């Protein structure tokens, strides 16, 4: 039987993520709802997945190695949590023009800035690339 690896997050990163959860007023997906498509889950829920931009994204309560954290806010608004390079995070916050980024589920190399990416701003998402930190190439629109 293989053992599922958990994500090796440092205390500082974990505190940052917890602050986002508090700000978003989300609670973990309930055990009985694990694996259900995101669209069927109640608002104010968060969970973890390896396929964060599919319509049938399943969420799980336990963080596993290199899984993305997804927050379902009110009215079905969805945010992906991830890590970007500081310069890309600043461009995302400025919300001007289109932005091509590699979003990581955990800090990786120079991508150490925690961000929230509203799913409604994702213009294109390529499949998660399993090598080099499990990143997901995204094209994000400005506002």
Protein backbone atom coordinates (compact mmCIF):
# COMPACT_ATOMS: atom_id res chain seq x y z
CA UNK A 1 0.00 0.00 0.00
CA UNK A 2 1.48 3.36 -1.00
CA UNK A 3 1.39 6.25 1.38
CA UNK A 4 0.09 9.63 0.20
CA UNK A 5 2.67 12.35 0.73
CA UNK A 6 1.60 15.58 2.35
CA UNK A 7 2.76 19.02 1.29
CA UNK A 8 5.89 20.28 3.04
CA UNK A 9 4.81 23.83 3.83
CA UNK A 10 6.76 26.01 6.23
CA UNK A 11 5.10 27.71 9.20
CA UNK A 12 5.23 31.16 7.55
CA UNK A 13 3.56 29.91 4.37
CA UNK A 14 0.94 28.04 6.40
CA UNK A 15 0.15 31.26 8.33
CA UNK A 16 -0.24 33.19 5.07
CA UNK A 17 -2.64 30.59 3.72
CA UNK A 18 -4.63 30.56 6.96
CA UNK A 19 -5.05 34.34 6.76
CA UNK A 20 -6.49 33.98 3.26
CA UNK A 21 -8.91 31.30 4.51
CA UNK A 22 -10.05 33.57 7.34
CA UNK A 23 -10.44 36.55 4.99
CA UNK A 24 -12.45 34.40 2.56
CA UNK A 25 -14.46 32.85 5.41
CA UNK A 26 -14.08 29.34 4.00
CA UNK A 27 -14.18 26.01 5.79
CA UNK A 28 -12.76 22.66 4.65
CA UNK A 29 -14.85 20.48 2.38
CA UNK A 30 -16.81 18.01 4.51
CA UNK A 31 -15.71 14.40 4.51
CA UNK A 32 -19.01 13.25 3.01
CA UNK A 33 -18.58 15.77 0.16
CA UNK A 34 -15.00 14.87 -0.73
CA UNK A 35 -14.55 14.04 -4.40
CA UNK A 36 -17.72 15.86 -5.39
CA UNK A 37 -17.50 18.30 -8.29
CA UNK A 38 -16.80 21.87 -7.21
CA UNK A 39 -20.08 23.09 -8.70
CA UNK A 40 -22.03 20.80 -6.33
CA UNK A 41 -20.22 21.95 -3.18
CA UNK A 42 -21.65 24.66 -0.95
CA UNK A 43 -20.30 28.19 -1.04
CA UNK A 44 -17.60 29.16 1.49
CA UNK A 45 -15.78 25.84 1.05
CA UNK A 46 -12.13 25.09 0.37
CA UNK A 47 -10.27 21.97 -0.56
CA UNK A 48 -7.39 20.53 -2.53
CA UNK A 49 -7.16 19.14 -6.04
CA UNK A 50 -4.75 18.26 -8.82
CA UNK A 51 -7.16 19.51 -11.51
CA UNK A 52 -8.11 23.02 -10.41
CA UNK A 53 -9.74 24.42 -13.57
CA UNK A 54 -11.98 21.59 -14.76
CA UNK A 55 -15.75 22.00 -14.52
CA UNK A 56 -15.92 18.79 -12.53
CA UNK A 57 -12.99 19.67 -10.25
CA UNK A 58 -13.13 17.34 -7.26
CA UNK A 59 -12.09 18.78 -3.88
CA UNK A 60 -10.58 16.89 -0.96
CA UNK A 61 -10.14 18.00 2.63
CA UNK A 62 -6.52 16.93 3.06
CA UNK A 63 -3.60 18.71 1.42
CA UNK A 64 -1.38 16.31 -0.47
CA UNK A 65 1.97 16.94 -2.10
CA UNK A 66 1.73 19.56 -4.86
CA UNK A 67 -2.07 19.83 -4.82
CA UNK A 68 -3.72 23.19 -5.48
CA UNK A 69 -5.93 24.82 -2.86
CA UNK A 70 -9.26 26.01 -4.25
CA UNK A 71 -11.71 28.36 -2.50
CA UNK A 72 -15.38 28.44 -3.49
CA UNK A 73 -16.65 31.79 -2.25
CA UNK A 74 -20.21 33.14 -2.29
CA UNK A 75 -22.27 33.02 -5.48
CA UNK A 76 -20.03 30.27 -6.84
CA UNK A 77 -16.98 32.54 -7.29
CA UNK A 78 -13.84 30.38 -7.31
CA UNK A 79 -10.27 31.38 -6.43
CA UNK A 80 -7.14 29.30 -6.92
CA UNK A 81 -4.34 29.71 -4.41
CA UNK A 82 -0.84 29.33 -5.64
CA UNK A 83 2.60 30.81 -5.82
CA UNK A 84 4.12 33.13 -8.41
CA UNK A 85 7.35 35.00 -8.88
CA UNK A 86 7.16 38.37 -7.07
CA UNK A 87 7.12 40.33 -10.34
CA UNK A 88 4.25 38.23 -11.73
CA UNK A 89 2.33 38.58 -8.45
CA UNK A 90 2.67 42.37 -8.69
CA UNK A 91 1.37 42.30 -12.29
CA UNK A 92 -1.55 40.11 -11.22
CA UNK A 93 -2.42 42.56 -8.44
CA UNK A 94 -2.16 45.53 -10.83
CA UNK A 95 -4.61 43.73 -13.13
CA UNK A 96 -3.47 45.51 -16.28
CA UNK A 97 -3.16 43.59 -19.50
CA UNK A 98 -2.96 39.88 -20.12
CA UNK A 99 -0.48 37.88 -18.10
CA UNK A 100 1.13 34.52 -18.85
CA UNK A 101 2.31 32.83 -15.64
CA UNK A 102 3.23 29.48 -14.17
CA UNK A 103 1.17 29.01 -11.01
CA UNK A 104 2.68 26.61 -8.48
CA UNK A 105 0.67 24.85 -5.74
CA UNK A 106 3.59 25.27 -3.31
CA UNK A 107 6.58 27.63 -3.15
CA UNK A 108 9.04 26.59 -5.85
CA UNK A 109 12.30 28.29 -6.82
CA UNK A 110 11.60 32.01 -7.33
CA UNK A 111 7.84 31.44 -7.17
CA UNK A 112 7.32 32.14 -3.47
CA UNK A 113 4.62 34.83 -3.42
CA UNK A 114 1.18 33.56 -2.39
CA UNK A 115 -1.60 34.77 -4.69
CA UNK A 116 -5.30 34.24 -5.27
CA UNK A 117 -6.32 33.86 -8.89
CA UNK A 118 -10.04 34.38 -9.54
CA UNK A 119 -11.09 31.62 -11.92
CA UNK A 120 -13.18 34.15 -13.86
CA UNK A 121 -9.93 35.91 -14.89
CA UNK A 122 -8.36 32.72 -16.30
CA UNK A 123 -8.51 32.97 -20.08
CA UNK A 124 -6.59 29.78 -20.74
CA UNK A 125 -5.22 27.04 -18.54
CA UNK A 126 -2.95 24.37 -19.80
CA UNK A 127 -2.83 21.02 -18.03
CA UNK A 128 -0.75 20.86 -14.88
CA UNK A 129 2.83 19.92 -15.73
CA UNK A 130 3.82 17.17 -13.33
CA UNK A 131 7.55 17.87 -13.43
CA UNK A 132 9.32 20.82 -11.84
CA UNK A 133 6.85 21.55 -9.03
CA UNK A 134 3.53 20.56 -10.62
CA UNK A 135 2.90 24.04 -12.06
CA UNK A 136 -0.01 25.12 -14.21
CA UNK A 137 0.57 27.53 -17.12
CA UNK A 138 -2.16 30.19 -17.12
CA UNK A 139 -3.14 33.16 -19.25
CA UNK A 140 -4.89 35.66 -16.98
CA UNK A 141 -6.83 38.68 -18.18
CA UNK A 142 -6.43 42.14 -16.72
CA UNK A 143 -9.35 44.10 -15.35
